[in-house]
Amino acid sequence: MTSIPAPSARPTPVVLPVSKAVLWLASTAIIALALYYFIGVDQGAVSVFGNDMHLHEFVHDARHLLGFPCH
């Protein structure tokens, strides 16, 4: 029977500088809020892009899948 030897050295943790962590957190928050707006909030009448319904129709099925009412 063969056995796998235990590693002798402990693994080193990944160190992420605070400045990079803040950048990643802010970027993720901005992208998440934009997706939330376009899928969950954007309706034709209150759209940022005027009365154009193309964006609404593009995310229509995703909106229903995620449980957002739209009509």
PDB file of N, CA and C in Angstrom:
ATOM      1  N   MET A   1       0.832  -1.164   0.000  1.00  0.00           N
ATOM      2  CA  MET A   1       0.000   0.000   0.000  1.00  0.00           C
ATOM      3  C   MET A   1       0.894   1.251   0.000  1.00  0.00           C
ATOM      4  N   THR A   2       0.580   2.183  -0.851  1.00  0.00           N
ATOM      5  CA  THR A   2       1.347   3.422  -0.915  1.00  0.00           C
ATOM      6  C   THR A   2       0.634   4.508  -0.128  1.00  0.00           C
ATOM      7  N   SER A   3       1.418   5.355   0.426  1.00  0.00           N
ATOM      8  CA  SER A   3       0.839   6.477   1.160  1.00  0.00           C
ATOM      9  C   SER A   3       1.453   7.768   0.649  1.00  0.00           C
ATOM     10  N   ILE A   4       0.688   8.807   0.748  1.00  0.00           N
ATOM     11  CA  ILE A   4       1.148  10.129   0.316  1.00  0.00           C
ATOM     12  C   ILE A   4       1.789  10.800   1.517  1.00  0.00           C
ATOM     13  N   PRO A   5       3.036  11.216   1.382  1.00  0.00           N
ATOM     14  CA  PRO A   5       3.686  11.861   2.529  1.00  0.00           C
ATOM     15  C   PRO A   5       3.040  13.213   2.835  1.00  0.00           C
ATOM     16  N   ALA A   6       2.961  13.538   4.102  1.00  0.00           N
ATOM     17  CA  ALA A   6       2.399  14.825   4.528  1.00  0.00           C
ATOM     18  C   ALA A   6       3.372  15.937   4.159  1.00  0.00           C
ATOM     19  N   PRO A   7       2.845  17.078   3.749  1.00  0.00           N
ATOM     20  CA  PRO A   7       3.754  18.188   3.420  1.00  0.00           C
ATOM     21  C   PRO A   7       4.448  18.676   4.689  1.00  0.00           C
ATOM     22  N   SER A   8       5.712  18.977   4.547  1.00  0.00           N
ATOM     23  CA  SER A   8       6.486  19.380   5.712  1.00  0.00           C
ATOM     24  C   SER A   8       6.332  20.872   6.005  1.00  0.00           C
ATOM     25  N   ALA A   9       6.089  21.657   5.008  1.00  0.00           N
ATOM     26  CA  ALA A   9       5.954  23.099   5.211  1.00  0.00           C
ATOM     27  C   ALA A   9       4.487  23.504   5.135  1.00  0.00           C
ATOM     28  N   ARG A  10       4.125  24.456   5.960  1.00  0.00           N
ATOM     29  CA  ARG A  10       2.752  24.960   5.927  1.00  0.00           C
ATOM     30  C   ARG A  10       2.578  25.885   4.725  1.00  0.00           C
ATOM     31  N   PRO A  11       1.402  25.860   4.098  1.00  0.00           N
ATOM     32  CA  PRO A  11       1.194  26.753   2.949  1.00  0.00           C
ATOM     33  C   PRO A  11       1.157  28.208   3.402  1.00  0.00           C
ATOM     34  N   THR A  12       1.664  29.073   2.553  1.00  0.00           N
ATOM     35  CA  THR A  12       1.664  30.499   2.878  1.00  0.00           C
ATOM     36  C   THR A  12       0.370  31.129   2.369  1.00  0.00           C
ATOM     37  N   PRO A  13      -0.252  31.989   3.170  1.00  0.00           N
ATOM     38  CA  PRO A  13      -1.495  32.636   2.734  1.00  0.00           C
ATOM     39  C   PRO A  13      -1.211  33.703   1.671  1.00  0.00           C
ATOM     40  N   VAL A  14      -2.215  33.984   0.871  1.00  0.00           N
ATOM     41  CA  VAL A  14      -2.104  35.036  -0.137  1.00  0.00           C
ATOM     42  C   VAL A  14      -2.363  36.364   0.557  1.00  0.00           C
ATOM     43  N   VAL A  15      -1.443  37.287   0.405  1.00  0.00           N
ATOM     44  CA  VAL A  15      -1.571  38.594   1.037  1.00  0.00           C
ATOM     45  C   VAL A  15      -2.025  39.586  -0.023  1.00  0.00           C
ATOM     46  N   LEU A  16      -3.163  40.244   0.218  1.00  0.00           N
ATOM     47  CA  LEU A  16      -3.707  41.226  -0.712  1.00  0.00           C
ATOM     48  C   LEU A  16      -3.610  42.601  -0.055  1.00  0.00           C
ATOM     49  N   PRO A  17      -2.871  43.529  -0.655  1.00  0.00           N
ATOM     50  CA  PRO A  17      -2.760  44.865  -0.066  1.00  0.00           C
ATOM     51  C   PRO A  17      -4.134  45.539   0.026  1.00  0.00           C
ATOM     52  N   VAL A  18      -4.298  46.401   1.005  1.00  0.00           N
ATOM     53  CA  VAL A  18      -5.573  47.077   1.235  1.00  0.00           C
ATOM     54  C   VAL A  18      -5.983  47.895   0.015  1.00  0.00           C
ATOM     55  N   SER A  19      -5.042  48.549  -0.632  1.00  0.00           N
ATOM     56  CA  SER A  19      -5.381  49.375  -1.799  1.00  0.00           C
ATOM     57  C   SER A  19      -5.966  48.525  -2.922  1.00  0.00           C
ATOM     58  N   LYS A  20      -5.416  47.330  -3.138  1.00  0.00           N
ATOM     59  CA  LYS A  20      -5.963  46.448  -4.166  1.00  0.00           C
ATOM     60  C   LYS A  20      -7.316  45.897  -3.741  1.00  0.00           C
ATOM     61  N   ALA A  21      -7.470  45.598  -2.466  1.00  0.00           N
ATOM     62  CA  ALA A  21      -8.741  45.074  -1.970  1.00  0.00           C
ATOM     63  C   ALA A  21      -9.853  46.109  -2.134  1.00  0.00           C
ATOM     64  N   VAL A  22      -9.559  47.353  -1.842  1.00  0.00           N
ATOM     65  CA  VAL A  22     -10.553  48.425  -1.998  1.00  0.00           C
ATOM     66  C   VAL A  22     -10.908  48.601  -3.467  1.00  0.00           C
ATOM     67  N   LEU A  23      -9.923  48.524  -4.336  1.00  0.00           N
ATOM     68  CA  LEU A  23     -10.180  48.652  -5.777  1.00  0.00           C
ATOM     69  C   LEU A  23     -11.084  47.519  -6.265  1.00  0.00           C
ATOM     70  N   TRP A  24     -10.792  46.277  -5.871  1.00  0.00           N
ATOM     71  CA  TRP A  24     -11.621  45.136  -6.261  1.00  0.00           C
ATOM     72  C   TRP A  24     -13.030  45.262  -5.688  1.00  0.00           C
ATOM     73  N   LEU A  25     -13.144  45.666  -4.445  1.00  0.00           N
ATOM     74  CA  LEU A  25     -14.458  45.810  -3.821  1.00  0.00           C
ATOM     75  C   LEU A  25     -15.287  46.894  -4.503  1.00  0.00           C
ATOM     76  N   ALA A  26     -14.679  48.031  -4.785  1.00  0.00           N
ATOM     77  CA  ALA A  26     -15.399  49.122  -5.446  1.00  0.00           C
ATOM     78  C   ALA A  26     -15.812  48.723  -6.862  1.00  0.00           C
ATOM     79  N   SER A  27     -14.915  48.080  -7.600  1.00  0.00           N
ATOM     80  CA  SER A  27     -15.248  47.657  -8.957  1.00  0.00           C
ATOM     81  C   SER A  27     -16.391  46.643  -8.967  1.00  0.00           C
ATOM     82  N   THR A  28     -16.335  45.686  -8.049  1.00  0.00           N
ATOM     83  CA  THR A  28     -17.386  44.683  -7.957  1.00  0.00           C
ATOM     84  C   THR A  28     -18.721  45.316  -7.578  1.00  0.00           C
ATOM     85  N   ALA A  29     -18.704  46.270  -6.661  1.00  0.00           N
ATOM     86  CA  ALA A  29     -19.933  46.942  -6.244  1.00  0.00           C
ATOM     87  C   ALA A  29     -20.544  47.747  -7.395  1.00  0.00           C
ATOM     88  N   ILE A  30     -19.724  48.437  -8.161  1.00  0.00           N
ATOM     89  CA  ILE A  30     -20.229  49.232  -9.284  1.00  0.00           C
ATOM     90  C   ILE A  30     -20.845  48.330 -10.351  1.00  0.00           C
ATOM     91  N   ILE A  31     -20.170  47.233 -10.666  1.00  0.00           N
ATOM     92  CA  ILE A  31     -20.699  46.303 -11.671  1.00  0.00           C
ATOM     93  C   ILE A  31     -21.994  45.661 -11.179  1.00  0.00           C
ATOM     94  N   ALA A  32     -22.037  45.275  -9.898  1.00  0.00           N
ATOM     95  CA  ALA A  32     -23.244  44.657  -9.336  1.00  0.00           C
ATOM     96  C   ALA A  32     -24.417  45.630  -9.339  1.00  0.00           C
ATOM     97  N   LEU A  33     -24.176  46.881  -8.976  1.00  0.00           N
ATOM     98  CA  LEU A  33     -25.255  47.877  -8.985  1.00  0.00           C
ATOM     99  C   LEU A  33     -25.744  48.165 -10.403  1.00  0.00           C
ATOM    100  N   ALA A  34     -24.830  48.198 -11.359  1.00  0.00           N
ATOM    101  CA  ALA A  34     -25.237  48.414 -12.752  1.00  0.00           C
ATOM    102  C   ALA A  34     -26.088  47.250 -13.248  1.00  0.00           C
ATOM    103  N   LEU A  35     -25.679  46.017 -12.954  1.00  0.00           N
ATOM    104  CA  LEU A  35     -26.479  44.857 -13.350  1.00  0.00           C
ATOM    105  C   LEU A  35     -27.840  44.866 -12.667  1.00  0.00           C
ATOM    106  N   TYR A  36     -27.859  45.207 -11.376  1.00  0.00           N
ATOM    107  CA  TYR A  36     -29.126  45.279 -10.657  1.00  0.00           C
ATOM    108  C   TYR A  36     -30.057  46.307 -11.296  1.00  0.00           C
ATOM    109  N   TYR A  37     -29.510  47.464 -11.665  1.00  0.00           N
ATOM    110  CA  TYR A  37     -30.341  48.487 -12.299  1.00  0.00           C
ATOM    111  C   TYR A  37     -30.887  48.005 -13.638  1.00  0.00           C
ATOM    112  N   PHE A  38     -30.011  47.499 -14.493  1.00  0.00           N
ATOM    113  CA  PHE A  38     -30.438  47.135 -15.840  1.00  0.00           C
ATOM    114  C   PHE A  38     -31.402  45.958 -15.846  1.00  0.00           C
ATOM    115  N   ILE A  39     -31.243  45.023 -14.925  1.00  0.00           N
ATOM    116  CA  ILE A  39     -32.138  43.869 -14.904  1.00  0.00           C
ATOM    117  C   ILE A  39     -33.366  44.119 -14.041  1.00  0.00           C
ATOM    118  N   GLY A  40     -33.194  44.755 -12.897  1.00  0.00           N
ATOM    119  CA  GLY A  40     -34.297  44.849 -11.962  1.00  0.00           C
ATOM    120  C   GLY A  40     -35.079  46.136 -11.939  1.00  0.00           C
ATOM    121  N   VAL A  41     -34.474  47.245 -12.305  1.00  0.00           N
ATOM    122  CA  VAL A  41     -35.131  48.536 -12.119  1.00  0.00           C
ATOM    123  C   VAL A  41     -35.535  49.185 -13.429  1.00  0.00           C
ATOM    124  N   ASP A  42     -34.719  49.061 -14.439  1.00  0.00           N
ATOM    125  CA  ASP A  42     -34.937  49.782 -15.695  1.00  0.00           C
ATOM    126  C   ASP A  42     -36.255  49.377 -16.347  1.00  0.00           C
ATOM    127  N   GLN A  43     -37.178  50.305 -16.384  1.00  0.00           N
ATOM    128  CA  GLN A  43     -38.438  50.141 -17.104  1.00  0.00           C
ATOM    129  C   GLN A  43     -38.426  51.174 -18.220  1.00  0.00           C
ATOM    130  N   GLY A  44     -39.294  51.059 -19.149  1.00  0.00           N
ATOM    131  CA  GLY A  44     -39.311  51.993 -20.261  1.00  0.00           C
ATOM    132  C   GLY A  44     -39.545  53.436 -19.859  1.00  0.00           C
ATOM    133  N   ALA A  45     -40.482  53.689 -18.920  1.00  0.00           N
ATOM    134  CA  ALA A  45     -40.855  55.051 -18.572  1.00  0.00           C
ATOM    135  C   ALA A  45     -39.805  55.746 -17.710  1.00  0.00           C
ATOM    136  N   VAL A  46     -39.109  55.013 -16.845  1.00  0.00           N
ATOM    137  CA  VAL A  46     -38.136  55.633 -15.952  1.00  0.00           C
ATOM    138  C   VAL A  46     -36.709  55.270 -16.347  1.00  0.00           C
ATOM    139  N   SER A  47     -36.504  54.933 -17.576  1.00  0.00           N
ATOM    140  CA  SER A  47     -35.201  54.506 -18.050  1.00  0.00           C
ATOM    141  C   SER A  47     -34.235  55.673 -18.124  1.00  0.00           C
ATOM    142  N   VAL A  48     -32.975  55.411 -17.851  1.00  0.00           N
ATOM    143  CA  VAL A  48     -31.933  56.421 -17.986  1.00  0.00           C
ATOM    144  C   VAL A  48     -31.736  56.780 -19.447  1.00  0.00           C
ATOM    145  N   PHE A  49     -32.009  55.827 -20.328  1.00  0.00           N
ATOM    146  CA  PHE A  49     -31.756  56.016 -21.744  1.00  0.00           C
ATOM    147  C   PHE A  49     -32.987  56.462 -22.516  1.00  0.00           C
ATOM    148  N   GLY A  50     -33.913  57.143 -21.897  1.00  0.00           N
ATOM    149  CA  GLY A  50     -35.101  57.641 -22.582  1.00  0.00           C
ATOM    150  C   GLY A  50     -36.201  56.601 -22.636  1.00  0.00           C
ATOM    151  N   ASN A  51     -37.094  56.728 -23.576  1.00  0.00           N
ATOM    152  CA  ASN A  51     -38.253  55.839 -23.679  1.00  0.00           C
ATOM    153  C   ASN A  51     -37.997  54.647 -24.602  1.00  0.00           C
ATOM    154  N   ASP A  52     -36.751  54.301 -24.805  1.00  0.00           N
ATOM    155  CA  ASP A  52     -36.388  53.177 -25.659  1.00  0.00           C
ATOM    156  C   ASP A  52     -36.575  51.870 -24.889  1.00  0.00           C
ATOM    157  N   MET A  53     -37.273  50.899 -25.475  1.00  0.00           N
ATOM    158  CA  MET A  53     -37.569  49.639 -24.797  1.00  0.00           C
ATOM    159  C   MET A  53     -36.621  48.512 -25.189  1.00  0.00           C
ATOM    160  N   HIS A  54     -35.563  48.799 -25.952  1.00  0.00           N
ATOM    161  CA  HIS A  54     -34.651  47.741 -26.397  1.00  0.00           C
ATOM    162  C   HIS A  54     -33.958  47.060 -25.213  1.00  0.00           C
ATOM    163  N   LEU A  55     -33.478  47.851 -24.266  1.00  0.00           N
ATOM    164  CA  LEU A  55     -32.803  47.273 -23.104  1.00  0.00           C
ATOM    165  C   LEU A  55     -33.768  46.437 -22.274  1.00  0.00           C
ATOM    166  N   HIS A  56     -34.972  46.928 -22.084  1.00  0.00           N
ATOM    167  CA  HIS A  56     -35.981  46.186 -21.328  1.00  0.00           C
ATOM    168  C   HIS A  56     -36.283  44.844 -21.992  1.00  0.00           C
ATOM    169  N   GLU A  57     -36.441  44.845 -23.275  1.00  0.00           N
ATOM    170  CA  GLU A  57     -36.738  43.596 -23.985  1.00  0.00           C
ATOM    171  C   GLU A  57     -35.541  42.646 -23.983  1.00  0.00           C
ATOM    172  N   PHE A  58     -34.327  43.194 -23.977  1.00  0.00           N
ATOM    173  CA  PHE A  58     -33.131  42.362 -23.968  1.00  0.00           C
ATOM    174  C   PHE A  58     -33.005  41.568 -22.665  1.00  0.00           C
ATOM    175  N   VAL A  59     -33.365  42.180 -21.534  1.00  0.00           N
ATOM    176  CA  VAL A  59     -33.234  41.501 -20.235  1.00  0.00           C
ATOM    177  C   VAL A  59     -34.578  41.004 -19.705  1.00  0.00           C
ATOM    178  N   HIS A  60     -35.594  40.967 -20.548  1.00  0.00           N
ATOM    179  CA  HIS A  60     -36.951  40.613 -20.115  1.00  0.00           C
ATOM    180  C   HIS A  60     -37.020  39.222 -19.477  1.00  0.00           C
ATOM    181  N   ASP A  61     -36.459  38.221 -20.102  1.00  0.00           N
ATOM    182  CA  ASP A  61     -36.529  36.866 -19.562  1.00  0.00           C
ATOM    183  C   ASP A  61     -35.702  36.717 -18.289  1.00  0.00           C
ATOM    184  N   ALA A  62     -34.542  37.371 -18.247  1.00  0.00           N
ATOM    185  CA  ALA A  62     -33.723  37.325 -17.035  1.00  0.00           C
ATOM    186  C   ALA A  62     -34.459  37.979 -15.878  1.00  0.00           C
ATOM    187  N   ARG A  63     -35.203  39.019 -16.175  1.00  0.00           N
ATOM    188  CA  ARG A  63     -35.975  39.718 -15.152  1.00  0.00           C
ATOM    189  C   ARG A  63     -37.011  38.787 -14.532  1.00  0.00           C
ATOM    190  N   HIS A  64     -37.724  38.038 -15.349  1.00  0.00           N
ATOM    191  CA  HIS A  64     -38.710  37.094 -14.825  1.00  0.00           C
ATOM    192  C   HIS A  64     -38.037  35.932 -14.095  1.00  0.00           C
ATOM    193  N   LEU A  65     -36.914  35.457 -14.617  1.00  0.00           N
ATOM    194  CA  LEU A  65     -36.187  34.368 -13.991  1.00  0.00           C
ATOM    195  C   LEU A  65     -35.730  34.737 -12.582  1.00  0.00           C
ATOM    196  N   LEU A  66     -35.314  35.970 -12.393  1.00  0.00           N
ATOM    197  CA  LEU A  66     -34.836  36.422 -11.085  1.00  0.00           C
ATOM    198  C   LEU A  66     -35.955  36.911 -10.176  1.00  0.00           C
ATOM    199  N   GLY A  67     -37.190  36.901 -10.665  1.00  0.00           N
ATOM    200  CA  GLY A  67     -38.333  37.248  -9.820  1.00  0.00           C
ATOM    201  C   GLY A  67     -38.711  38.713  -9.805  1.00  0.00           C
ATOM    202  N   PHE A  68     -38.219  39.507 -10.724  1.00  0.00           N
ATOM    203  CA  PHE A  68     -38.595  40.915 -10.796  1.00  0.00           C
ATOM    204  C   PHE A  68     -39.864  41.053 -11.625  1.00  0.00           C
ATOM    205  N   PRO A  69     -40.873  41.742 -11.115  1.00  0.00           N
ATOM    206  CA  PRO A  69     -42.055  41.985 -11.939  1.00  0.00           C
ATOM    207  C   PRO A  69     -41.771  43.081 -12.950  1.00  0.00           C
ATOM    208  N   CYS A  70     -42.379  42.994 -14.100  1.00  0.00           N
ATOM    209  CA  CYS A  70     -42.145  44.060 -15.078  1.00  0.00           C
ATOM    210  C   CYS A  70     -43.405  44.462 -15.838  1.00  0.00           C
ATOM    211  N   HIS A  71     -44.505  43.747 -15.679  1.00  0.00           N
ATOM    212  CA  HIS A  71     -45.738  44.190 -16.311  1.00  0.00           C
ATOM    213  C   HIS A  71     -46.917  43.577 -15.621  1.00  0.00           C
TER     214      HIS A  71
END
